[in-house]
Structure formats: structure tokens, C-alpha cells
Amino acid sequence: MELAAPTSLGPGRLTVDVASDARAVLWLGHGAGGGIGSRDLVALAAELPRNGITVVRHEQPWRVAGKKVAPRPAALDTAWLETAPLVVDLAGGLPLVTGGRSAGARVACRTADAVNAAAIVCLSFPLHPPGKPESSRLHELLLPTMPVLVVQGDRDTFGSAAVVSSETADRAGIRVVAVPGADHSLAVLKSSPLDVDAVTALVVDSVLGFLQSVR
């Protein structure tokens, strides 16, 4: 189902895939270059409700308005936080896990404590802009005080799985799952032994296993 999500920045939208016997709710944001139709978000919305996890995909107001470029991070956080009461109401007291893809993962990390998230799921966390490792966003990934899962491609130009693992090695509570051969969009090379279905299954299994471990 779809729900309007009014904010001071314009209307956002929630697409909710409900689990019949939900044990938790996963609230996901999209990236700065795409919407809730990315392969990983769609896969989670299709598979997790079968396993007792309701999935809420959040379209930011700029996407609903048809704009091509995302606003600055503060605006993304504002829309997310103003939508939180609606998502909390949907959760109805169930554990709320937040997360998202790329920019959506950054939003979830920055707002985790404010929305009382039980855990965070980061899909392709953009550790730094491509070619600019000195412009690190590691501080955002370290903000949450709750368990964090990072699903990261091993050839992600925004920070490979190996780099993210190394940068977070001293921080308890952050789990990094590498996707072999995958880039920032979690697409793999034609020569990779992983195909689209295998990548999708790895993302779903990693997230599901993580959610089961933190309940």
C-alpha cells in the first residue's frame, strides 16, 4: 500500500509491504541517484514480509516532486524525521529498524538515535566520493549506538567492502558483508561468478539474518 507522508518540504510517500505476522519493521530510504525501485530495495520488499518483517520504502519529497537532484543532507534528514511519527505509528510498538541505500543509509545513520532505531541496515554506504578518500563520511557510520549492518560491493568506488571493514574494525556492533564483484549499485561484472539472482539472494539473506540476530 502507498501512504502520503506530508513534510515541511513537500509531500513524501511511503510504500508499505506488510508481513501478515510481523515481528519487526524495516524502514528504508533510497539513494541520491534513484528511487525505491532499485533492485536491492525491491528484493527486500518482496522477500522480507514472507519472513515476518514489514518493509516501508520511503520516497523523499524531492523524488515525489519529480526533481532530478537530491537536496543537501540536512533537508533529507528533515523529511525523514518529520515522517518518523507516521512510521512509528505503522510499527505499532514493533522493533523499528532503519536504513537505506547509499544516501538513504547516511540519513538512517545520522537520525538513528532520534527515531529510536533498534538497528541500522546500510546498503552500499558511500564512505567517500569516488576518488576522494580524504572526504570521509566515516563519522556518520560511527554515529549509531545500535547494531549496524553494511552490505558493500568489493569494487564500490565510494568505498569498497575491504575499506569499510578496515575503517570500522575497531568499532563493535558494525558488521560488514562483502558482495564479491559488485559496484555501488550492487551490480556485478559479466565475468563475475555471481549473477543478479545470486546478488539479490545475498542481500536478502544478509539482511534477514541480521534482523533475526538483533531482535
Foldseek 3Di string as FASTA:
>chain_A
DKDWQQAPVGIKMKDKQAAPQAQEEEEAEEAQQDGCPQPQNVLQSVPVSPVRYMYIYIGARCVVVVHRGDDDLVSVLRSVLSRLVVVVVVGVPHAYEYEYAASRRLSCLQCVVVSVHQEYEYELHQQAPQPCNVRGPVVSVLRDPHAYEYEAEQAESSAGLVRNCVVCVPPPRYHYHYQYQQYSSGAHDPPDPDHPVNSSVVSNVRVVVVVVVRD
